PDB file of all heavy atoms in Angstrom:
ATOM      1  N   LEU A   1       0.822  -1.213   0.000  1.00  0.00           N
ATOM      2  CA  LEU A   1       0.000   0.000   0.000  1.00  0.00           C
ATOM      3  C   LEU A   1       0.855   1.261   0.000  1.00  0.00           C
ATOM      4  O   LEU A   1       0.532   2.237  -0.684  1.00  0.00           O
ATOM      5  CB  LEU A   1      -0.939  -0.005   1.209  1.00  0.00           C
ATOM      6  CG  LEU A   1      -2.063  -1.029   1.162  1.00  0.00           C
ATOM      7  CD1 LEU A   1      -2.793  -1.088   2.501  1.00  0.00           C
ATOM      8  CD2 LEU A   1      -3.032  -0.716   0.034  1.00  0.00           C
ATOM      9  N   ARG A   2       1.956   1.235   0.746  1.00  0.00           N
ATOM     10  CA  ARG A   2       2.849   2.399   0.752  1.00  0.00           C
ATOM     11  C   ARG A   2       3.462   2.616  -0.633  1.00  0.00           C
ATOM     12  O   ARG A   2       3.572   3.746  -1.098  1.00  0.00           O
ATOM     13  CB  ARG A   2       3.957   2.213   1.788  1.00  0.00           C
ATOM     14  CG  ARG A   2       3.485   2.453   3.188  1.00  0.00           C
ATOM     15  CD  ARG A   2       4.615   2.372   4.179  1.00  0.00           C
ATOM     16  NE  ARG A   2       4.131   2.668   5.512  1.00  0.00           N
ATOM     17  CZ  ARG A   2       4.711   2.268   6.616  1.00  0.00           C
ATOM     18  NH1 ARG A   2       5.828   1.558   6.567  1.00  0.00           N
ATOM     19  NH2 ARG A   2       4.211   2.579   7.791  1.00  0.00           N
ATOM     20  N   ALA A   3       3.852   1.534  -1.286  1.00  0.00           N
ATOM     21  CA  ALA A   3       4.415   1.652  -2.636  1.00  0.00           C
ATOM     22  C   ALA A   3       3.372   2.196  -3.601  1.00  0.00           C
ATOM     23  O   ALA A   3       3.683   3.032  -4.465  1.00  0.00           O
ATOM     24  CB  ALA A   3       4.930   0.296  -3.113  1.00  0.00           C
ATOM     25  N   SER A   4       2.129   1.741  -3.448  1.00  0.00           N
ATOM     26  CA  SER A   4       1.055   2.221  -4.304  1.00  0.00           C
ATOM     27  C   SER A   4       0.807   3.706  -4.080  1.00  0.00           C
ATOM     28  O   SER A   4       0.620   4.473  -5.039  1.00  0.00           O
ATOM     29  CB  SER A   4      -0.219   1.419  -4.040  1.00  0.00           C
ATOM     30  OG  SER A   4      -1.262   1.867  -4.862  1.00  0.00           O
ATOM     31  N   LEU A   5       0.812   4.133  -2.824  1.00  0.00           N
ATOM     32  CA  LEU A   5       0.622   5.552  -2.528  1.00  0.00           C
ATOM     33  C   LEU A   5       1.766   6.394  -3.086  1.00  0.00           C
ATOM     34  O   LEU A   5       1.547   7.475  -3.635  1.00  0.00           O
ATOM     35  CB  LEU A   5       0.508   5.773  -1.020  1.00  0.00           C
ATOM     36  CG  LEU A   5      -0.814   5.408  -0.392  1.00  0.00           C
ATOM     37  CD1 LEU A   5      -0.742   5.530   1.134  1.00  0.00           C
ATOM     38  CD2 LEU A   5      -1.932   6.277  -0.924  1.00  0.00           C
ATOM     39  N   LYS A   6       2.991   5.885  -2.956  1.00  0.00           N
ATOM     40  CA  LYS A   6       4.140   6.613  -3.484  1.00  0.00           C
ATOM     41  C   LYS A   6       4.025   6.733  -4.995  1.00  0.00           C
ATOM     42  O   LYS A   6       4.265   7.796  -5.577  1.00  0.00           O
ATOM     43  CB  LYS A   6       5.440   5.898  -3.108  1.00  0.00           C
ATOM     44  CG  LYS A   6       6.676   6.639  -3.539  1.00  0.00           C
ATOM     45  CD  LYS A   6       7.931   5.953  -3.025  1.00  0.00           C
ATOM     46  CE  LYS A   6       9.144   6.788  -3.268  1.00  0.00           C
ATOM     47  NZ  LYS A   6       9.811   6.562  -4.486  1.00  0.00           N
ATOM     48  N   ARG A   7       3.634   5.652  -5.628  1.00  0.00           N
ATOM     49  CA  ARG A   7       3.479   5.663  -7.079  1.00  0.00           C
ATOM     50  C   ARG A   7       2.388   6.646  -7.493  1.00  0.00           C
ATOM     51  O   ARG A   7       2.525   7.378  -8.462  1.00  0.00           O
ATOM     52  CB  ARG A   7       3.143   4.249  -7.563  1.00  0.00           C
ATOM     53  CG  ARG A   7       2.913   4.124  -9.038  1.00  0.00           C
ATOM     54  CD  ARG A   7       4.238   4.028  -9.787  1.00  0.00           C
ATOM     55  NE  ARG A   7       4.072   4.143 -11.203  1.00  0.00           N
ATOM     56  CZ  ARG A   7       3.982   3.136 -12.049  1.00  0.00           C
ATOM     57  NH1 ARG A   7       4.054   1.905 -11.600  1.00  0.00           N
ATOM     58  NH2 ARG A   7       3.830   3.339 -13.333  1.00  0.00           N
ATOM     59  N   ARG A   8       1.306   6.682  -6.713  1.00  0.00           N
ATOM     60  CA  ARG A   8       0.207   7.604  -7.015  1.00  0.00           C
ATOM     61  C   ARG A   8       0.666   9.053  -6.880  1.00  0.00           C
ATOM     62  O   ARG A   8       0.250   9.922  -7.638  1.00  0.00           O
ATOM     63  CB  ARG A   8      -0.983   7.332  -6.103  1.00  0.00           C
ATOM     64  CG  ARG A   8      -2.207   8.130  -6.469  1.00  0.00           C
ATOM     65  CD  ARG A   8      -3.403   7.690  -5.633  1.00  0.00           C
ATOM     66  NE  ARG A   8      -4.566   8.481  -5.906  1.00  0.00           N
ATOM     67  CZ  ARG A   8      -5.444   8.249  -6.869  1.00  0.00           C
ATOM     68  NH1 ARG A   8      -5.279   7.206  -7.652  1.00  0.00           N
ATOM     69  NH2 ARG A   8      -6.475   9.033  -7.048  1.00  0.00           N
ATOM     70  N   GLU A   9       1.541   9.324  -5.912  1.00  0.00           N
ATOM     71  CA  GLU A   9       2.073  10.674  -5.733  1.00  0.00           C
ATOM     72  C   GLU A   9       2.934  11.105  -6.927  1.00  0.00           C
ATOM     73  O   GLU A   9       3.123  12.291  -7.144  1.00  0.00           O
ATOM     74  CB  GLU A   9       2.891  10.761  -4.451  1.00  0.00           C
ATOM     75  CG  GLU A   9       2.059  10.666  -3.187  1.00  0.00           C
ATOM     76  CD  GLU A   9       2.899  10.568  -1.933  1.00  0.00           C
ATOM     77  OE1 GLU A   9       4.142  10.520  -2.020  1.00  0.00           O
ATOM     78  OE2 GLU A   9       2.299  10.521  -0.849  1.00  0.00           O
ATOM     79  N   GLU A  10       3.422  10.141  -7.687  1.00  0.00           N
ATOM     80  CA  GLU A  10       4.262  10.446  -8.843  1.00  0.00           C
ATOM     81  C   GLU A  10       3.432  10.669 -10.100  1.00  0.00           C
ATOM     82  O   GLU A  10       3.966  10.706 -11.199  1.00  0.00           O
ATOM     83  CB  GLU A  10       5.260   9.309  -9.072  1.00  0.00           C
ATOM     84  CG  GLU A  10       6.238   9.128  -7.925  1.00  0.00           C
ATOM     85  CD  GLU A  10       7.060   7.865  -8.043  1.00  0.00           C
ATOM     86  OE1 GLU A  10       6.775   7.017  -8.920  1.00  0.00           O
ATOM     87  OE2 GLU A  10       7.992   7.704  -7.233  1.00  0.00           O
ATOM     88  N   THR A  11       2.111  10.782  -9.931  1.00  0.00           N
ATOM     89  CA  THR A  11       1.228  11.017 -11.067  1.00  0.00           C
ATOM     90  C   THR A  11       0.544  12.365 -10.906  1.00  0.00           C
ATOM     91  O   THR A  11       0.606  12.994  -9.846  1.00  0.00           O
ATOM     92  CB  THR A  11       0.154   9.915 -11.189  1.00  0.00           C
ATOM     93  OG1 THR A  11      -0.709   9.983 -10.055  1.00  0.00           O
ATOM     94  CG2 THR A  11       0.773   8.537 -11.314  1.00  0.00           C
ATOM     95  N   VAL A  12      -0.123  12.787 -11.976  1.00  0.00           N
ATOM     96  CA  VAL A  12      -0.875  14.040 -11.950  1.00  0.00           C
ATOM     97  C   VAL A  12      -2.246  13.774 -12.573  1.00  0.00           C
ATOM     98  O   VAL A  12      -2.370  12.938 -13.460  1.00  0.00           O
ATOM     99  CB  VAL A  12      -0.116  15.162 -12.693  1.00  0.00           C
ATOM    100  CG1 VAL A  12       0.033  14.863 -14.164  1.00  0.00           C
ATOM    101  CG2 VAL A  12      -0.766  16.507 -12.476  1.00  0.00           C
ATOM    102  N   GLU A  13      -3.268  14.456 -12.077  1.00  0.00           N
ATOM    103  CA  GLU A  13      -4.615  14.256 -12.600  1.00  0.00           C
ATOM    104  C   GLU A  13      -4.964  15.352 -13.601  1.00  0.00           C
ATOM    105  O   GLU A  13      -4.746  16.529 -13.362  1.00  0.00           O
ATOM    106  CB  GLU A  13      -5.640  14.264 -11.465  1.00  0.00           C
ATOM    107  CG  GLU A  13      -7.034  13.940 -11.944  1.00  0.00           C
ATOM    108  CD  GLU A  13      -8.037  13.798 -10.828  1.00  0.00           C
ATOM    109  OE1 GLU A  13      -7.629  13.565  -9.681  1.00  0.00           O
ATOM    110  OE2 GLU A  13      -9.230  13.922 -11.117  1.00  0.00           O
ATOM    111  N   ARG A  14      -5.515  14.924 -14.725  1.00  0.00           N
ATOM    112  CA  ARG A  14      -6.028  15.846 -15.741  1.00  0.00           C
ATOM    113  C   ARG A  14      -7.302  15.242 -16.320  1.00  0.00           C
ATOM    114  O   ARG A  14      -7.321  14.054 -16.665  1.00  0.00           O
ATOM    115  CB  ARG A  14      -5.042  16.054 -16.898  1.00  0.00           C
ATOM    116  CG  ARG A  14      -3.823  16.861 -16.569  1.00  0.00           C
ATOM    117  CD  ARG A  14      -4.175  18.339 -16.329  1.00  0.00           C
ATOM    118  NE  ARG A  14      -2.999  19.165 -16.286  1.00  0.00           N
ATOM    119  CZ  ARG A  14      -2.185  19.296 -15.251  1.00  0.00           C
ATOM    120  NH1 ARG A  14      -2.415  18.624 -14.161  1.00  0.00           N
ATOM    121  NH2 ARG A  14      -1.141  20.087 -15.302  1.00  0.00           N
ATOM    122  N   PHE A  15      -8.341  16.027 -16.392  1.00  0.00           N
ATOM    123  CA  PHE A  15      -9.602  15.632 -17.019  1.00  0.00           C
ATOM    124  C   PHE A  15     -10.173  14.337 -16.430  1.00  0.00           C
ATOM    125  O   PHE A  15     -10.768  13.528 -17.122  1.00  0.00           O
ATOM    126  CB  PHE A  15      -9.438  15.493 -18.536  1.00  0.00           C
ATOM    127  CG  PHE A  15      -8.741  16.657 -19.173  1.00  0.00           C
ATOM    128  CD1 PHE A  15      -7.541  16.489 -19.833  1.00  0.00           C
ATOM    129  CD2 PHE A  15      -9.282  17.930 -19.094  1.00  0.00           C
ATOM    130  CE1 PHE A  15      -6.890  17.565 -20.416  1.00  0.00           C
ATOM    131  CE2 PHE A  15      -8.637  19.012 -19.682  1.00  0.00           C
ATOM    132  CZ  PHE A  15      -7.437  18.835 -20.339  1.00  0.00           C
ATOM    133  N   GLY A  16      -9.944  14.128 -15.133  1.00  0.00           N
ATOM    134  CA  GLY A  16     -10.505  12.958 -14.465  1.00  0.00           C
ATOM    135  C   GLY A  16      -9.668  11.696 -14.576  1.00  0.00           C
ATOM    136  O   GLY A  16     -10.065  10.645 -14.074  1.00  0.00           O
ATOM    137  N   TYR A  17      -8.509  11.762 -15.218  1.00  0.00           N
ATOM    138  CA  TYR A  17      -7.616  10.609 -15.356  1.00  0.00           C
ATOM    139  C   TYR A  17      -6.262  10.957 -14.753  1.00  0.00           C
ATOM    140  O   TYR A  17      -5.873  12.111 -14.686  1.00  0.00           O
ATOM    141  CB  TYR A  17      -7.431  10.220 -16.829  1.00  0.00           C
ATOM    142  CG  TYR A  17      -8.687   9.680 -17.475  1.00  0.00           C
ATOM    143  CD1 TYR A  17      -9.531  10.512 -18.205  1.00  0.00           C
ATOM    144  CD2 TYR A  17      -9.032   8.340 -17.343  1.00  0.00           C
ATOM    145  CE1 TYR A  17     -10.683  10.014 -18.793  1.00  0.00           C
ATOM    146  CE2 TYR A  17     -10.183   7.841 -17.926  1.00  0.00           C
ATOM    147  CZ  TYR A  17     -11.008   8.686 -18.651  1.00  0.00           C
ATOM    148  OH  TYR A  17     -12.150   8.192 -19.226  1.00  0.00           O
ATOM    149  N   ARG A  18      -5.518   9.929 -14.345  1.00  0.00           N
ATOM    150  CA  ARG A  18      -4.167  10.143 -13.811  1.00  0.00           C
ATOM    151  C   ARG A  18      -3.150   9.768 -14.879  1.00  0.00           C
ATOM    152  O   ARG A  18      -3.320   8.789 -15.608  1.00  0.00           O
ATOM    153  CB  ARG A  18      -3.964   9.313 -12.549  1.00  0.00           C
ATOM    154  CG  ARG A  18      -4.926   9.793 -11.439  1.00  0.00           C
ATOM    155  CD  ARG A  18      -4.452   9.503 -10.063  1.00  0.00           C
ATOM    156  NE  ARG A  18      -3.356  10.295  -9.580  1.00  0.00           N
ATOM    157  CZ  ARG A  18      -3.463  11.511  -9.050  1.00  0.00           C
ATOM    158  NH1 ARG A  18      -4.623  12.103  -8.978  1.00  0.00           N
ATOM    159  NH2 ARG A  18      -2.414  12.133  -8.588  1.00  0.00           N
ATOM    160  N   TYR A  19      -2.084  10.573 -14.945  1.00  0.00           N
ATOM    161  CA  TYR A  19      -1.028  10.413 -15.936  1.00  0.00           C
ATOM    162  C   TYR A  19       0.330  10.414 -15.251  1.00  0.00           C
ATOM    163  O   TYR A  19       0.493  10.955 -14.156  1.00  0.00           O
ATOM    164  CB  TYR A  19      -1.050  11.592 -16.926  1.00  0.00           C
ATOM    165  CG  TYR A  19      -2.277  11.682 -17.783  1.00  0.00           C
ATOM    166  CD1 TYR A  19      -3.438  12.304 -17.328  1.00  0.00           C
ATOM    167  CD2 TYR A  19      -2.297  11.150 -19.063  1.00  0.00           C
ATOM    168  CE1 TYR A  19      -4.574  12.390 -18.116  1.00  0.00           C
ATOM    169  CE2 TYR A  19      -3.424  11.237 -19.869  1.00  0.00           C
ATOM    170  CZ  TYR A  19      -4.559  11.853 -19.380  1.00  0.00           C
ATOM    171  OH  TYR A  19      -5.678  11.938 -20.170  1.00  0.00           O
ATOM    172  N   ARG A  20       1.309   9.838 -15.932  1.00  0.00           N
ATOM    173  CA  ARG A  20       2.691  10.042 -15.507  1.00  0.00           C
ATOM    174  C   ARG A  20       2.973  11.521 -15.669  1.00  0.00           C
ATOM    175  O   ARG A  20       2.299  12.213 -16.434  1.00  0.00           O
ATOM    176  CB  ARG A  20       3.665   9.238 -16.375  1.00  0.00           C
ATOM    177  CG  ARG A  20       3.520   7.737 -16.209  1.00  0.00           C
ATOM    178  CD  ARG A  20       4.419   6.977 -17.169  1.00  0.00           C
ATOM    179  NE  ARG A  20       3.936   7.220 -18.536  1.00  0.00           N
ATOM    180  CZ  ARG A  20       4.711   7.384 -19.591  1.00  0.00           C
ATOM    181  NH1 ARG A  20       6.013   7.337 -19.482  1.00  0.00           N
ATOM    182  NH2 ARG A  20       4.197   7.598 -20.783  1.00  0.00           N
ATOM    183  N   CYS A  21       3.958  12.029 -14.957  1.00  0.00           N
ATOM    184  CA  CYS A  21       4.244  13.453 -15.101  1.00  0.00           C
ATOM    185  C   CYS A  21       5.751  13.686 -15.170  1.00  0.00           C
ATOM    186  O   CYS A  21       6.555  12.877 -14.724  1.00  0.00           O
ATOM    187  CB  CYS A  21       3.619  14.254 -13.964  1.00  0.00           C
ATOM    188  SG  CYS A  21       4.166  13.823 -12.312  1.00  0.00           S
ATOM    189  N   ASP A  22       6.089  14.837 -15.768  1.00  0.00           N
ATOM    190  CA  ASP A  22       7.497  15.213 -15.855  1.00  0.00           C
ATOM    191  C   ASP A  22       7.888  15.995 -14.593  1.00  0.00           C
ATOM    192  O   ASP A  22       7.097  16.114 -13.656  1.00  0.00           O
ATOM    193  CB  ASP A  22       7.766  16.006 -17.140  1.00  0.00           C
ATOM    194  CG  ASP A  22       6.938  17.277 -17.228  1.00  0.00           C
ATOM    195  OD1 ASP A  22       6.388  17.705 -16.195  1.00  0.00           O
ATOM    196  OD2 ASP A  22       6.853  17.843 -18.332  1.00  0.00           O
ATOM    197  N   ALA A  23       9.082  16.539 -14.579  1.00  0.00           N
ATOM    198  CA  ALA A  23       9.599  17.240 -13.402  1.00  0.00           C
ATOM    199  C   ALA A  23       8.753  18.459 -13.039  1.00  0.00           C
ATOM    200  O   ALA A  23       8.668  18.839 -11.874  1.00  0.00           O
ATOM    201  CB  ALA A  23      11.045  17.659 -13.634  1.00  0.00           C
ATOM    202  N   SER A  24       8.095  19.056 -14.025  1.00  0.00           N
ATOM    203  CA  SER A  24       7.273  20.239 -13.754  1.00  0.00           C
ATOM    204  C   SER A  24       5.814  19.874 -13.486  1.00  0.00           C
ATOM    205  O   SER A  24       4.936  20.728 -13.528  1.00  0.00           O
ATOM    206  CB  SER A  24       7.366  21.225 -14.921  1.00  0.00           C
ATOM    207  OG  SER A  24       6.857  20.628 -16.096  1.00  0.00           O
ATOM    208  N   LYS A  25       5.551  18.605 -13.224  1.00  0.00           N
ATOM    209  CA  LYS A  25       4.216  18.086 -12.904  1.00  0.00           C
ATOM    210  C   LYS A  25       3.222  18.250 -14.059  1.00  0.00           C
ATOM    211  O   LYS A  25       2.021  18.341 -13.839  1.00  0.00           O
ATOM    212  CB  LYS A  25       3.650  18.745 -11.637  1.00  0.00           C
ATOM    213  CG  LYS A  25       4.371  18.340 -10.372  1.00  0.00           C
ATOM    214  CD  LYS A  25       4.107  16.877 -10.084  1.00  0.00           C
ATOM    215  CE  LYS A  25       4.689  16.476  -8.741  1.00  0.00           C
ATOM    216  NZ  LYS A  25       4.496  15.070  -8.464  1.00  0.00           N
ATOM    217  N   GLU A  26       3.726  18.233 -15.276  1.00  0.00           N
ATOM    218  CA  GLU A  26       2.868  18.256 -16.465  1.00  0.00           C
ATOM    219  C   GLU A  26       2.661  16.811 -16.921  1.00  0.00           C
ATOM    220  O   GLU A  26       3.580  15.994 -16.883  1.00  0.00           O
ATOM    221  CB  GLU A  26       3.502  19.071 -17.588  1.00  0.00           C
ATOM    222  CG  GLU A  26       3.527  20.566 -17.302  1.00  0.00           C
ATOM    223  CD  GLU A  26       2.142  21.143 -17.118  1.00  0.00           C
ATOM    224  OE1 GLU A  26       1.230  20.811 -17.898  1.00  0.00           O
ATOM    225  OE2 GLU A  26       1.954  21.922 -16.158  1.00  0.00           O
ATOM    226  N   PRO A  27       1.430  16.467 -17.331  1.00  0.00           N
ATOM    227  CA  PRO A  27       1.156  15.081 -17.735  1.00  0.00           C
ATOM    228  C   PRO A  27       1.901  14.699 -19.009  1.00  0.00           C
ATOM    229  O   PRO A  27       2.120  15.534 -19.886  1.00  0.00           O
ATOM    230  CB  PRO A  27      -0.350  15.072 -17.957  1.00  0.00           C
ATOM    231  CG  PRO A  27      -0.725  16.481 -18.191  1.00  0.00           C
ATOM    232  CD  PRO A  27       0.261  17.328 -17.462  1.00  0.00           C
ATOM    233  N   ILE A  28       2.278  13.425 -19.061  1.00  0.00           N
ATOM    234  CA  ILE A  28       2.928  12.884 -20.261  1.00  0.00           C
ATOM    235  C   ILE A  28       2.325  11.517 -20.579  1.00  0.00           C
ATOM    236  O   ILE A  28       1.896  10.792 -19.687  1.00  0.00           O
ATOM    237  CB  ILE A  28       4.466  12.769 -20.104  1.00  0.00           C
ATOM    238  CG1 ILE A  28       4.842  11.931 -18.874  1.00  0.00           C
ATOM    239  CG2 ILE A  28       5.119  14.125 -20.030  1.00  0.00           C
ATOM    240  CD1 ILE A  28       6.331  11.684 -18.727  1.00  0.00           C
ATOM    241  N   GLY A  29       2.269  11.199 -21.852  1.00  0.00           N
ATOM    242  CA  GLY A  29       1.810   9.890 -22.293  1.00  0.00           C
ATOM    243  C   GLY A  29       0.311   9.701 -22.162  1.00  0.00           C
ATOM    244  O   GLY A  29      -0.464  10.643 -22.115  1.00  0.00           O
ATOM    245  N   THR A  30      -0.100   8.441 -22.100  1.00  0.00           N
ATOM    246  CA  THR A  30      -1.513   8.098 -21.983  1.00  0.00           C
ATOM    247  C   THR A  30      -1.888   7.939 -20.509  1.00  0.00           C
ATOM    248  O   THR A  30      -1.028   7.806 -19.639  1.00  0.00           O
ATOM    249  CB  THR A  30      -1.830   6.788 -22.737  1.00  0.00           C
ATOM    250  OG1 THR A  30      -1.066   5.730 -22.170  1.00  0.00           O
ATOM    251  CG2 THR A  30      -1.525   6.916 -24.219  1.00  0.00           C
ATOM    252  N   ALA A  31      -3.184   7.919 -20.240  1.00  0.00           N
ATOM    253  CA  ALA A  31      -3.689   7.830 -18.866  1.00  0.00           C
ATOM    254  C   ALA A  31      -3.558   6.418 -18.315  1.00  0.00           C
ATOM    255  O   ALA A  31      -3.522   5.438 -19.060  1.00  0.00           O
ATOM    256  CB  ALA A  31      -5.160   8.249 -18.835  1.00  0.00           C
ATOM    257  N   PHE A  32      -3.502   6.352 -16.989  1.00  0.00           N
ATOM    258  CA  PHE A  32      -3.579   5.067 -16.312  1.00  0.00           C
ATOM    259  C   PHE A  32      -5.043   4.642 -16.272  1.00  0.00           C
ATOM    260  O   PHE A  32      -5.943   5.470 -16.203  1.00  0.00           O
ATOM    261  CB  PHE A  32      -3.050   5.167 -14.873  1.00  0.00           C
ATOM    262  CG  PHE A  32      -1.560   5.318 -14.776  1.00  0.00           C
ATOM    263  CD1 PHE A  32      -1.005   6.542 -14.483  1.00  0.00           C
ATOM    264  CD2 PHE A  32      -0.728   4.227 -14.977  1.00  0.00           C
ATOM    265  CE1 PHE A  32       0.367   6.686 -14.378  1.00  0.00           C
ATOM    266  CE2 PHE A  32       0.641   4.355 -14.871  1.00  0.00           C
ATOM    267  CZ  PHE A  32       1.201   5.597 -14.574  1.00  0.00           C
ATOM    268  N   CYS A  33      -5.270   3.352 -16.286  1.00  0.00           N
ATOM    269  CA  CYS A  33      -6.630   2.821 -16.197  1.00  0.00           C
ATOM    270  C   CYS A  33      -7.167   3.085 -14.785  1.00  0.00           C
ATOM    271  O   CYS A  33      -6.591   2.589 -13.812  1.00  0.00           O
ATOM    272  CB  CYS A  33      -6.635   1.318 -16.483  1.00  0.00           C
ATOM    273  SG  CYS A  33      -8.244   0.538 -16.160  1.00  0.00           S
TER     274      CYS A  33
END
């Protein structure tokens, strides 16, 4: 659960979906399911 939370903190939300993000917290790539 801690690893999952850490991984979630490394994402950013846009338009109701979570994405990987770059250093400036801008979304990159496709959304996570």
